[in-house]
Every structure is written in structure tokens, then in C-alpha cells.
Amino acid sequence: MEHTDAFQLIDCFHSNEPVIDTWTFVFNEVNPLTGYYTMLATDNTGWGFSQFSEGLYRPGGDNAHLGERPRYIGERLVNHVLRRVGE
């Protein structure tokens, strides 16, 4: 199996809480000092708010503080995330 250090999306969450950043996309990049994962927080459209940050994420864990895992994601939002990763 080939090892890659490429920046990869590893999980996604949606929150129904009254917050601006209702979507959180978790990437495989981890800060070695804090153990926090790189995340992209964005609004429902992917255009009004979009910010990279770091946060607590437990692979295979519940991660309820990030919201719930969605059943599907809209094409517009996916295109936005892909554009931001490419920046």
C-alpha cells in the first residue's frame, strides 16, 4: 500500500444549531503541538462564510460537538470545498 501525505477530506458534519458555520469538513492534517485537526467551517451555501481552522476531532469517535454526519451534501457546497482546498 502506498503512503500519501496529501491533504485529504476525512469527515464531514452538519449542525442544526443557530450558528453561521453549519458545515464542518475535517481534513487529515493534524497540528503536532495540539493534536487538533484542520477543518473548514462554512455556511449552508458555502459562499457567505468559509474559514479554515483547527479543532478537536476523534477518528472513529462520536464528535457530536461538530454536529451530525449528513446523509448527503449538495453539489454547490462540494464545489465550494474543493475550490477552497485548491487555494
N, C-alpha and C. Protein backbone atom coordinates (compact mmCIF):
# COMPACT_ATOMS: atom_id res chain seq x y z
N MET A 1 0.84 -1.17 0.00
CA MET A 1 0.00 0.00 0.00
C MET A 1 0.89 1.24 0.00
N GLU A 2 0.54 2.20 -0.84
CA GLU A 2 1.32 3.42 -0.97
C GLU A 2 0.90 4.45 0.07
N HIS A 3 1.89 5.08 0.70
CA HIS A 3 1.62 6.11 1.69
C HIS A 3 1.56 7.47 1.01
N THR A 4 0.60 8.29 1.39
CA THR A 4 0.49 9.63 0.83
C THR A 4 0.29 10.64 1.95
N ASP A 5 0.91 11.80 1.79
CA ASP A 5 0.74 12.88 2.75
C ASP A 5 -0.17 13.96 2.18
N ALA A 6 -0.92 13.64 1.16
CA ALA A 6 -1.79 14.62 0.51
C ALA A 6 -2.87 15.09 1.48
N PHE A 7 -3.25 16.34 1.32
CA PHE A 7 -4.32 16.95 2.10
C PHE A 7 -5.63 16.30 1.67
N GLN A 8 -6.28 15.56 2.59
CA GLN A 8 -7.48 14.80 2.25
C GLN A 8 -8.62 15.09 3.20
N LEU A 9 -9.81 15.14 2.65
CA LEU A 9 -11.03 15.25 3.44
C LEU A 9 -11.30 13.88 4.07
N ILE A 10 -11.49 13.86 5.41
CA ILE A 10 -11.70 12.58 6.08
C ILE A 10 -13.05 12.45 6.76
N ASP A 11 -13.75 13.58 6.97
CA ASP A 11 -15.06 13.51 7.61
C ASP A 11 -15.82 14.81 7.39
N CYS A 12 -17.12 14.77 7.62
CA CYS A 12 -17.97 15.93 7.40
C CYS A 12 -19.11 15.91 8.41
N PHE A 13 -19.49 17.11 8.89
CA PHE A 13 -20.57 17.23 9.88
C PHE A 13 -21.47 18.41 9.53
N HIS A 14 -22.74 18.30 9.92
CA HIS A 14 -23.69 19.39 9.75
C HIS A 14 -24.37 19.64 11.09
N SER A 15 -24.49 20.92 11.45
CA SER A 15 -25.12 21.30 12.71
C SER A 15 -26.43 22.01 12.45
N ASN A 16 -27.43 21.69 13.22
CA ASN A 16 -28.72 22.39 13.14
C ASN A 16 -28.81 23.52 14.16
N GLU A 17 -27.71 23.77 14.86
CA GLU A 17 -27.67 24.86 15.83
C GLU A 17 -27.72 26.20 15.10
N PRO A 18 -28.18 27.26 15.77
CA PRO A 18 -28.24 28.59 15.13
C PRO A 18 -26.87 29.26 15.07
N VAL A 19 -25.99 28.73 14.23
CA VAL A 19 -24.64 29.26 14.05
C VAL A 19 -24.41 29.55 12.57
N ILE A 20 -23.41 30.37 12.28
CA ILE A 20 -23.10 30.70 10.89
C ILE A 20 -22.47 29.50 10.18
N ASP A 21 -21.52 28.87 10.84
CA ASP A 21 -20.78 27.76 10.22
C ASP A 21 -21.46 26.43 10.49
N THR A 22 -22.52 26.16 9.74
CA THR A 22 -23.32 24.95 9.96
C THR A 22 -22.64 23.68 9.44
N TRP A 23 -21.68 23.83 8.55
CA TRP A 23 -20.96 22.69 8.00
C TRP A 23 -19.51 22.69 8.48
N THR A 24 -19.00 21.52 8.84
CA THR A 24 -17.59 21.36 9.21
C THR A 24 -17.01 20.20 8.43
N PHE A 25 -15.96 20.50 7.68
CA PHE A 25 -15.25 19.48 6.91
C PHE A 25 -13.90 19.25 7.58
N VAL A 26 -13.60 18.00 7.92
CA VAL A 26 -12.39 17.65 8.65
C VAL A 26 -11.37 17.04 7.67
N PHE A 27 -10.13 17.51 7.77
CA PHE A 27 -9.06 17.05 6.90
C PHE A 27 -8.01 16.27 7.70
N ASN A 28 -7.15 15.56 6.99
CA ASN A 28 -6.19 14.66 7.63
C ASN A 28 -4.96 15.38 8.21
N GLU A 29 -4.87 16.67 8.09
CA GLU A 29 -3.74 17.42 8.63
C GLU A 29 -3.93 17.65 10.13
N VAL A 30 -2.92 17.26 10.93
CA VAL A 30 -3.01 17.36 12.39
C VAL A 30 -1.86 18.24 12.91
N ASN A 31 -2.19 19.19 13.78
CA ASN A 31 -1.18 20.04 14.41
C ASN A 31 -0.45 19.18 15.46
N PRO A 32 0.86 18.99 15.30
CA PRO A 32 1.59 18.12 16.24
C PRO A 32 1.65 18.67 17.66
N LEU A 33 1.47 19.96 17.84
CA LEU A 33 1.52 20.55 19.18
C LEU A 33 0.21 20.40 19.95
N THR A 34 -0.91 20.50 19.24
CA THR A 34 -2.22 20.47 19.91
C THR A 34 -2.99 19.17 19.67
N GLY A 35 -2.66 18.47 18.59
CA GLY A 35 -3.43 17.28 18.22
C GLY A 35 -4.72 17.63 17.50
N TYR A 36 -4.93 18.92 17.23
CA TYR A 36 -6.15 19.36 16.55
C TYR A 36 -6.04 19.10 15.05
N TYR A 37 -7.18 18.82 14.44
CA TYR A 37 -7.26 18.57 13.01
C TYR A 37 -7.61 19.86 12.27
N THR A 38 -7.12 19.99 11.03
CA THR A 38 -7.50 21.12 10.17
C THR A 38 -8.94 20.91 9.74
N MET A 39 -9.72 22.00 9.81
CA MET A 39 -11.14 21.95 9.47
C MET A 39 -11.50 23.15 8.61
N LEU A 40 -12.50 22.96 7.78
CA LEU A 40 -13.09 24.07 7.03
C LEU A 40 -14.51 24.22 7.52
N ALA A 41 -14.79 25.36 8.12
CA ALA A 41 -16.14 25.66 8.60
C ALA A 41 -16.79 26.57 7.57
N THR A 42 -18.03 26.28 7.20
CA THR A 42 -18.71 27.09 6.19
C THR A 42 -20.21 27.11 6.43
N ASP A 43 -20.88 28.06 5.79
CA ASP A 43 -22.33 28.17 5.96
C ASP A 43 -23.05 27.20 5.02
N ASN A 44 -24.37 27.26 4.99
CA ASN A 44 -25.15 26.33 4.18
C ASN A 44 -24.92 26.46 2.69
N THR A 45 -24.56 27.63 2.22
CA THR A 45 -24.36 27.83 0.79
C THR A 45 -22.90 27.64 0.40
N GLY A 46 -22.00 27.77 1.34
CA GLY A 46 -20.59 27.68 1.04
C GLY A 46 -20.00 28.98 0.53
N TRP A 47 -20.76 30.04 0.54
CA TRP A 47 -20.27 31.30 -0.02
C TRP A 47 -20.29 32.45 0.98
N GLY A 48 -21.18 32.46 1.93
CA GLY A 48 -21.29 33.57 2.86
C GLY A 48 -20.23 33.56 3.95
N PHE A 49 -19.77 32.40 4.33
CA PHE A 49 -18.78 32.26 5.38
C PHE A 49 -17.97 31.01 5.09
N SER A 50 -16.67 31.11 5.16
CA SER A 50 -15.82 29.95 4.90
C SER A 50 -14.46 30.22 5.52
N GLN A 51 -14.09 29.42 6.53
CA GLN A 51 -12.85 29.67 7.24
C GLN A 51 -12.16 28.36 7.61
N PHE A 52 -10.85 28.30 7.33
CA PHE A 52 -10.06 27.17 7.80
C PHE A 52 -9.68 27.42 9.25
N SER A 53 -9.73 26.38 10.05
CA SER A 53 -9.36 26.48 11.45
C SER A 53 -8.87 25.10 11.90
N GLU A 54 -8.66 24.95 13.18
CA GLU A 54 -8.29 23.67 13.77
C GLU A 54 -9.27 23.34 14.88
N GLY A 55 -9.49 22.06 15.11
CA GLY A 55 -10.41 21.71 16.16
C GLY A 55 -10.25 20.27 16.62
N LEU A 56 -10.91 19.97 17.72
CA LEU A 56 -10.89 18.65 18.31
C LEU A 56 -11.69 17.68 17.46
N TYR A 57 -11.09 16.58 17.10
CA TYR A 57 -11.73 15.53 16.30
C TYR A 57 -11.16 14.20 16.75
N ARG A 58 -12.03 13.24 16.97
CA ARG A 58 -11.61 11.90 17.37
C ARG A 58 -11.97 10.92 16.25
N PRO A 59 -10.98 10.43 15.50
CA PRO A 59 -11.28 9.46 14.43
C PRO A 59 -12.04 8.26 14.99
N GLY A 60 -13.15 7.95 14.37
CA GLY A 60 -13.98 6.84 14.81
C GLY A 60 -14.85 7.16 16.01
N GLY A 61 -14.71 8.38 16.56
CA GLY A 61 -15.48 8.78 17.73
C GLY A 61 -16.81 9.43 17.36
N ASP A 62 -17.55 9.82 18.36
CA ASP A 62 -18.87 10.42 18.16
C ASP A 62 -18.79 11.82 17.55
N ASN A 63 -17.89 12.66 18.08
CA ASN A 63 -17.68 14.02 17.58
C ASN A 63 -18.97 14.85 17.50
N ALA A 64 -19.88 14.63 18.44
CA ALA A 64 -21.17 15.32 18.43
C ALA A 64 -21.02 16.84 18.54
N HIS A 65 -19.91 17.32 19.09
CA HIS A 65 -19.69 18.76 19.20
C HIS A 65 -19.55 19.42 17.82
N LEU A 66 -19.31 18.61 16.78
CA LEU A 66 -19.20 19.15 15.42
C LEU A 66 -20.52 19.07 14.66
N GLY A 67 -21.49 18.37 15.21
CA GLY A 67 -22.79 18.20 14.55
C GLY A 67 -23.02 16.73 14.25
N GLU A 68 -23.84 16.48 13.24
CA GLU A 68 -24.16 15.11 12.83
C GLU A 68 -23.60 14.85 11.44
N ARG A 69 -23.28 13.60 11.17
CA ARG A 69 -22.82 13.24 9.83
C ARG A 69 -24.03 13.28 8.89
N PRO A 70 -23.94 14.04 7.81
CA PRO A 70 -25.08 14.17 6.89
C PRO A 70 -25.25 12.94 6.00
N ARG A 71 -26.45 12.78 5.49
CA ARG A 71 -26.73 11.69 4.56
C ARG A 71 -26.30 12.06 3.15
N TYR A 72 -26.34 13.35 2.83
CA TYR A 72 -25.90 13.81 1.51
C TYR A 72 -25.45 15.27 1.62
N ILE A 73 -24.66 15.68 0.63
CA ILE A 73 -24.15 17.05 0.57
C ILE A 73 -24.46 17.59 -0.82
N GLY A 74 -24.93 18.82 -0.91
CA GLY A 74 -25.26 19.42 -2.20
C GLY A 74 -24.04 19.68 -3.07
N GLU A 75 -24.25 19.65 -4.38
CA GLU A 75 -23.17 19.84 -5.34
C GLU A 75 -22.50 21.20 -5.19
N ARG A 76 -23.28 22.24 -4.94
CA ARG A 76 -22.71 23.58 -4.78
C ARG A 76 -21.74 23.64 -3.61
N LEU A 77 -22.11 23.02 -2.50
CA LEU A 77 -21.25 23.02 -1.32
C LEU A 77 -19.99 22.20 -1.59
N VAL A 78 -20.11 21.07 -2.25
CA VAL A 78 -18.94 20.25 -2.58
C VAL A 78 -17.98 21.04 -3.47
N ASN A 79 -18.51 21.71 -4.47
CA ASN A 79 -17.66 22.51 -5.37
C ASN A 79 -16.94 23.62 -4.61
N HIS A 80 -17.62 24.23 -3.65
CA HIS A 80 -17.01 25.26 -2.83
C HIS A 80 -15.84 24.71 -2.02
N VAL A 81 -16.05 23.56 -1.37
CA VAL A 81 -15.00 22.97 -0.56
C VAL A 81 -13.79 22.61 -1.43
N LEU A 82 -14.04 22.04 -2.59
CA LEU A 82 -12.94 21.69 -3.49
C LEU A 82 -12.18 22.92 -3.95
N ARG A 83 -12.87 24.01 -4.19
CA ARG A 83 -12.22 25.25 -4.59
C ARG A 83 -11.35 25.78 -3.46
N ARG A 84 -11.86 25.77 -2.22
CA ARG A 84 -11.10 26.26 -1.07
C ARG A 84 -9.86 25.42 -0.81
N VAL A 85 -9.96 24.12 -0.97
CA VAL A 85 -8.81 23.25 -0.75
C VAL A 85 -7.72 23.54 -1.78
N GLY A 86 -8.14 23.90 -2.98
CA GLY A 86 -7.20 24.21 -4.03
C GLY A 86 -6.52 25.55 -3.90
N GLU A 87 -6.96 26.40 -2.98
CA GLU A 87 -6.37 27.75 -2.81
C GLU A 87 -5.02 27.68 -2.17
